[in-house]
Amino acid sequence: MQNQKLATLIAALSPAQQVVVEEFVRNLKDTNKPSITFRESLDEFKRKRPELLRLLAQ
């Protein structure tokens, strides 16, 4: 059920925003730090990919 809610939310985003979400999820998944928190991962993503976050904010 939760996956369906998430998919519905993502489907409502613009194509550019969906790309950003996909990149962020990849970043979460590919991190080499098993104990990294969501917040730390978000901060790292903001440092590495600020242009994608600007797209998401539009």
PDB file of N, CA and C in Angstrom:
ATOM      1  N   MET A   1       0.822  -1.194   0.000  1.00  0.00           N
ATOM      2  CA  MET A   1       0.000   0.000   0.000  1.00  0.00           C
ATOM      3  C   MET A   1       0.865   1.257   0.000  1.00  0.00           C
ATOM      4  N   GLN A   2       1.910   1.272   0.844  1.00  0.00           N
ATOM      5  CA  GLN A   2       2.785   2.437   0.920  1.00  0.00           C
ATOM      6  C   GLN A   2       3.471   2.688  -0.415  1.00  0.00           C
ATOM      7  N   ASN A   3       3.897   1.631  -1.107  1.00  0.00           N
ATOM      8  CA  ASN A   3       4.544   1.792  -2.405  1.00  0.00           C
ATOM      9  C   ASN A   3       3.602   2.434  -3.405  1.00  0.00           C
ATOM     10  N   GLN A   4       2.341   2.067  -3.342  1.00  0.00           N
ATOM     11  CA  GLN A   4       1.358   2.627  -4.259  1.00  0.00           C
ATOM     12  C   GLN A   4       1.161   4.120  -3.989  1.00  0.00           C
ATOM     13  N   LYS A   5       1.125   4.500  -2.725  1.00  0.00           N
ATOM     14  CA  LYS A   5       0.991   5.917  -2.369  1.00  0.00           C
ATOM     15  C   LYS A   5       2.187   6.707  -2.893  1.00  0.00           C
ATOM     16  N   LEU A   6       3.359   6.153  -2.708  1.00  0.00           N
ATOM     17  CA  LEU A   6       4.572   6.825  -3.175  1.00  0.00           C
ATOM     18  C   LEU A   6       4.568   6.951  -4.696  1.00  0.00           C
ATOM     19  N   ALA A   7       4.190   5.890  -5.378  1.00  0.00           N
ATOM     20  CA  ALA A   7       4.130   5.915  -6.844  1.00  0.00           C
ATOM     21  C   ALA A   7       3.123   6.956  -7.331  1.00  0.00           C
ATOM     22  N   THR A   8       2.003   7.072  -6.644  1.00  0.00           N
ATOM     23  CA  THR A   8       0.987   8.060  -7.016  1.00  0.00           C
ATOM     24  C   THR A   8       1.520   9.477  -6.833  1.00  0.00           C
ATOM     25  N   LEU A   9       2.203   9.709  -5.717  1.00  0.00           N
ATOM     26  CA  LEU A   9       2.782  11.033  -5.472  1.00  0.00           C
ATOM     27  C   LEU A   9       3.819  11.389  -6.535  1.00  0.00           C
ATOM     28  N   ILE A  10       4.674  10.447  -6.856  1.00  0.00           N
ATOM     29  CA  ILE A  10       5.721  10.698  -7.846  1.00  0.00           C
ATOM     30  C   ILE A  10       5.117  10.908  -9.226  1.00  0.00           C
ATOM     31  N   ALA A  11       4.086  10.147  -9.553  1.00  0.00           N
ATOM     32  CA  ALA A  11       3.429  10.294 -10.856  1.00  0.00           C
ATOM     33  C   ALA A  11       2.812  11.681 -11.029  1.00  0.00           C
ATOM     34  N   ALA A  12       2.455  12.322  -9.927  1.00  0.00           N
ATOM     35  CA  ALA A  12       1.856  13.657  -9.996  1.00  0.00           C
ATOM     36  C   ALA A  12       2.893  14.756 -10.228  1.00  0.00           C
ATOM     37  N   LEU A  13       4.168  14.428 -10.108  1.00  0.00           N
ATOM     38  CA  LEU A  13       5.229  15.411 -10.334  1.00  0.00           C
ATOM     39  C   LEU A  13       5.456  15.617 -11.828  1.00  0.00           C
ATOM     40  N   SER A  14       6.080  16.728 -12.150  1.00  0.00           N
ATOM     41  CA  SER A  14       6.448  16.966 -13.546  1.00  0.00           C
ATOM     42  C   SER A  14       7.553  15.976 -13.930  1.00  0.00           C
ATOM     43  N   PRO A  15       7.748  15.757 -15.236  1.00  0.00           N
ATOM     44  CA  PRO A  15       8.819  14.848 -15.661  1.00  0.00           C
ATOM     45  C   PRO A  15      10.189  15.252 -15.101  1.00  0.00           C
ATOM     46  N   ALA A  16      10.478  16.540 -15.070  1.00  0.00           N
ATOM     47  CA  ALA A  16      11.771  16.994 -14.543  1.00  0.00           C
ATOM     48  C   ALA A  16      11.880  16.690 -13.052  1.00  0.00           C
ATOM     49  N   GLN A  17      10.797  16.880 -12.316  1.00  0.00           N
ATOM     50  CA  GLN A  17      10.806  16.579 -10.887  1.00  0.00           C
ATOM     51  C   GLN A  17      10.957  15.076 -10.649  1.00  0.00           C
ATOM     52  N   GLN A  18      10.353  14.269 -11.496  1.00  0.00           N
ATOM     53  CA  GLN A  18      10.484  12.821 -11.372  1.00  0.00           C
ATOM     54  C   GLN A  18      11.935  12.386 -11.549  1.00  0.00           C
ATOM     55  N   VAL A  19      12.653  13.034 -12.440  1.00  0.00           N
ATOM     56  CA  VAL A  19      14.072  12.731 -12.637  1.00  0.00           C
ATOM     57  C   VAL A  19      14.850  13.011 -11.353  1.00  0.00           C
ATOM     58  N   VAL A  20      14.539  14.121 -10.713  1.00  0.00           N
ATOM     59  CA  VAL A  20      15.222  14.479  -9.477  1.00  0.00           C
ATOM     60  C   VAL A  20      14.955  13.435  -8.393  1.00  0.00           C
ATOM     61  N   VAL A  21      13.710  13.038  -8.265  1.00  0.00           N
ATOM     62  CA  VAL A  21      13.361  12.032  -7.258  1.00  0.00           C
ATOM     63  C   VAL A  21      14.096  10.718  -7.552  1.00  0.00           C
ATOM     64  N   GLU A  22      14.128  10.331  -8.808  1.00  0.00           N
ATOM     65  CA  GLU A  22      14.837   9.103  -9.181  1.00  0.00           C
ATOM     66  C   GLU A  22      16.321   9.195  -8.837  1.00  0.00           C
ATOM     67  N   GLU A  23      16.936  10.324  -9.137  1.00  0.00           N
ATOM     68  CA  GLU A  23      18.351  10.515  -8.816  1.00  0.00           C
ATOM     69  C   GLU A  23      18.594  10.457  -7.303  1.00  0.00           C
ATOM     70  N   PHE A  24      17.689  11.066  -6.548  1.00  0.00           N
ATOM     71  CA  PHE A  24      17.852  11.050  -5.103  1.00  0.00           C
ATOM     72  C   PHE A  24      17.732   9.631  -4.552  1.00  0.00           C
ATOM     73  N   VAL A  25      16.773   8.883  -5.049  1.00  0.00           N
ATOM     74  CA  VAL A  25      16.603   7.499  -4.590  1.00  0.00           C
ATOM     75  C   VAL A  25      17.843   6.680  -4.944  1.00  0.00           C
ATOM     76  N   ARG A  26      18.365   6.883  -6.138  1.00  0.00           N
ATOM     77  CA  ARG A  26      19.605   6.191  -6.523  1.00  0.00           C
ATOM     78  C   ARG A  26      20.733   6.549  -5.555  1.00  0.00           C
ATOM     79  N   ASN A  27      20.822   7.833  -5.230  1.00  0.00           N
ATOM     80  CA  ASN A  27      21.850   8.288  -4.310  1.00  0.00           C
ATOM     81  C   ASN A  27      21.695   7.602  -2.953  1.00  0.00           C
ATOM     82  N   LEU A  28      20.483   7.495  -2.467  1.00  0.00           N
ATOM     83  CA  LEU A  28      20.229   6.794  -1.203  1.00  0.00           C
ATOM     84  C   LEU A  28      20.654   5.332  -1.293  1.00  0.00           C
ATOM     85  N   LYS A  29      20.318   4.723  -2.389  1.00  0.00           N
ATOM     86  CA  LYS A  29      20.583   3.292  -2.576  1.00  0.00           C
ATOM     87  C   LYS A  29      22.068   3.009  -2.761  1.00  0.00           C
ATOM     88  N   ASP A  30      22.770   3.887  -3.460  1.00  0.00           N
ATOM     89  CA  ASP A  30      24.161   3.639  -3.831  1.00  0.00           C
ATOM     90  C   ASP A  30      25.180   4.102  -2.803  1.00  0.00           C
ATOM     91  N   THR A  31      24.720   4.694  -1.736  1.00  0.00           N
ATOM     92  CA  THR A  31      25.678   5.193  -0.751  1.00  0.00           C
ATOM     93  C   THR A  31      26.503   4.045  -0.166  1.00  0.00           C
ATOM     94  N   ASN A  32      27.753   4.314   0.071  1.00  0.00           N
ATOM     95  CA  ASN A  32      28.646   3.302   0.629  1.00  0.00           C
ATOM     96  C   ASN A  32      28.653   3.322   2.146  1.00  0.00           C
ATOM     97  N   LYS A  33      27.825   4.150   2.726  1.00  0.00           N
ATOM     98  CA  LYS A  33      27.776   4.275   4.178  1.00  0.00           C
ATOM     99  C   LYS A  33      26.498   3.607   4.684  1.00  0.00           C
ATOM    100  N   PRO A  34      26.598   2.410   5.202  1.00  0.00           N
ATOM    101  CA  PRO A  34      25.388   1.704   5.618  1.00  0.00           C
ATOM    102  C   PRO A  34      24.617   2.371   6.746  1.00  0.00           C
ATOM    103  N   SER A  35      25.280   3.180   7.559  1.00  0.00           N
ATOM    104  CA  SER A  35      24.588   3.795   8.692  1.00  0.00           C
ATOM    105  C   SER A  35      24.195   5.249   8.418  1.00  0.00           C
ATOM    106  N   ILE A  36      24.267   5.685   7.175  1.00  0.00           N
ATOM    107  CA  ILE A  36      23.932   7.071   6.845  1.00  0.00           C
ATOM    108  C   ILE A  36      22.442   7.327   7.086  1.00  0.00           C
ATOM    109  N   THR A  37      22.131   8.472   7.655  1.00  0.00           N
ATOM    110  CA  THR A  37      20.736   8.824   7.899  1.00  0.00           C
ATOM    111  C   THR A  37      20.156   9.474   6.649  1.00  0.00           C
ATOM    112  N   PHE A  38      18.853   9.546   6.617  1.00  0.00           N
ATOM    113  CA  PHE A  38      18.183  10.199   5.503  1.00  0.00           C
ATOM    114  C   PHE A  38      18.649  11.646   5.388  1.00  0.00           C
ATOM    115  N   ARG A  39      18.739  12.325   6.501  1.00  0.00           N
ATOM    116  CA  ARG A  39      19.158  13.731   6.514  1.00  0.00           C
ATOM    117  C   ARG A  39      20.580  13.890   5.962  1.00  0.00           C
ATOM    118  N   GLU A  40      21.476  13.017   6.378  1.00  0.00           N
ATOM    119  CA  GLU A  40      22.856  13.073   5.872  1.00  0.00           C
ATOM    120  C   GLU A  40      22.888  12.822   4.374  1.00  0.00           C
ATOM    121  N   SER A  41      22.076  11.891   3.938  1.00  0.00           N
ATOM    122  CA  SER A  41      22.020  11.593   2.512  1.00  0.00           C
ATOM    123  C   SER A  41      21.462  12.785   1.741  1.00  0.00           C
ATOM    124  N   LEU A  42      20.450  13.428   2.270  1.00  0.00           N
ATOM    125  CA  LEU A  42      19.888  14.609   1.625  1.00  0.00           C
ATOM    126  C   LEU A  42      20.908  15.736   1.553  1.00  0.00           C
ATOM    127  N   ASP A  43      21.631  15.962   2.638  1.00  0.00           N
ATOM    128  CA  ASP A  43      22.661  17.001   2.647  1.00  0.00           C
ATOM    129  C   ASP A  43      23.742  16.709   1.613  1.00  0.00           C
ATOM    130  N   GLU A  44      24.138  15.451   1.523  1.00  0.00           N
ATOM    131  CA  GLU A  44      25.142  15.058   0.532  1.00  0.00           C
ATOM    132  C   GLU A  44      24.623  15.276  -0.886  1.00  0.00           C
ATOM    133  N   PHE A  45      23.366  14.920  -1.111  1.00  0.00           N
ATOM    134  CA  PHE A  45      22.752  15.107  -2.432  1.00  0.00           C
ATOM    135  C   PHE A  45      22.691  16.589  -2.778  1.00  0.00           C
ATOM    136  N   LYS A  46      22.353  17.436  -1.802  1.00  0.00           N
ATOM    137  CA  LYS A  46      22.294  18.881  -2.043  1.00  0.00           C
ATOM    138  C   LYS A  46      23.657  19.421  -2.451  1.00  0.00           C
ATOM    139  N   ARG A  47      24.715  18.902  -1.824  1.00  0.00           N
ATOM    140  CA  ARG A  47      26.066  19.357  -2.170  1.00  0.00           C
ATOM    141  C   ARG A  47      26.467  18.887  -3.572  1.00  0.00           C
ATOM    142  N   LYS A  48      26.116  17.651  -3.901  1.00  0.00           N
ATOM    143  CA  LYS A  48      26.551  17.067  -5.170  1.00  0.00           C
ATOM    144  C   LYS A  48      25.689  17.499  -6.362  1.00  0.00           C
ATOM    145  N   ARG A  49      24.376  17.681  -6.153  1.00  0.00           N
ATOM    146  CA  ARG A  49      23.462  17.907  -7.264  1.00  0.00           C
ATOM    147  C   ARG A  49      22.501  19.076  -7.031  1.00  0.00           C
ATOM    148  N   PRO A  50      23.005  20.266  -6.731  1.00  0.00           N
ATOM    149  CA  PRO A  50      22.100  21.383  -6.436  1.00  0.00           C
ATOM    150  C   PRO A  50      21.202  21.745  -7.615  1.00  0.00           C
ATOM    151  N   GLU A  51      21.669  21.510  -8.833  1.00  0.00           N
ATOM    152  CA  GLU A  51      20.855  21.842 -10.005  1.00  0.00           C
ATOM    153  C   GLU A  51      19.599  20.981 -10.072  1.00  0.00           C
ATOM    154  N   LEU A  52      19.686  19.749  -9.623  1.00  0.00           N
ATOM    155  CA  LEU A  52      18.498  18.890  -9.620  1.00  0.00           C
ATOM    156  C   LEU A  52      17.494  19.339  -8.571  1.00  0.00           C
ATOM    157  N   LEU A  53      17.974  19.797  -7.455  1.00  0.00           N
ATOM    158  CA  LEU A  53      17.060  20.291  -6.435  1.00  0.00           C
ATOM    159  C   LEU A  53      16.348  21.569  -6.883  1.00  0.00           C
ATOM    160  N   ARG A  54      17.030  22.386  -7.666  1.00  0.00           N
ATOM    161  CA  ARG A  54      16.375  23.582  -8.217  1.00  0.00           C
ATOM    162  C   ARG A  54      15.229  23.169  -9.142  1.00  0.00           C
ATOM    163  N   LEU A  55      15.434  22.112  -9.915  1.00  0.00           N
ATOM    164  CA  LEU A  55      14.365  21.604 -10.772  1.00  0.00           C
ATOM    165  C   LEU A  55      13.180  21.118  -9.954  1.00  0.00           C
ATOM    166  N   LEU A  56      13.455  20.432  -8.877  1.00  0.00           N
ATOM    167  CA  LEU A  56      12.404  19.899  -8.027  1.00  0.00           C
ATOM    168  C   LEU A  56      11.593  21.029  -7.409  1.00  0.00           C
ATOM    169  N   ALA A  57      12.247  22.115  -7.097  1.00  0.00           N
ATOM    170  CA  ALA A  57      11.565  23.251  -6.456  1.00  0.00           C
ATOM    171  C   ALA A  57      10.664  24.021  -7.392  1.00  0.00           C
ATOM    172  N   GLN A  58      10.814  23.816  -8.674  1.00  0.00           N
ATOM    173  CA  GLN A  58      10.002  24.578  -9.654  1.00  0.00           C
ATOM    174  C   GLN A  58       8.591  24.087  -9.720  1.00  0.00           C
TER     175      GLN A  58
END
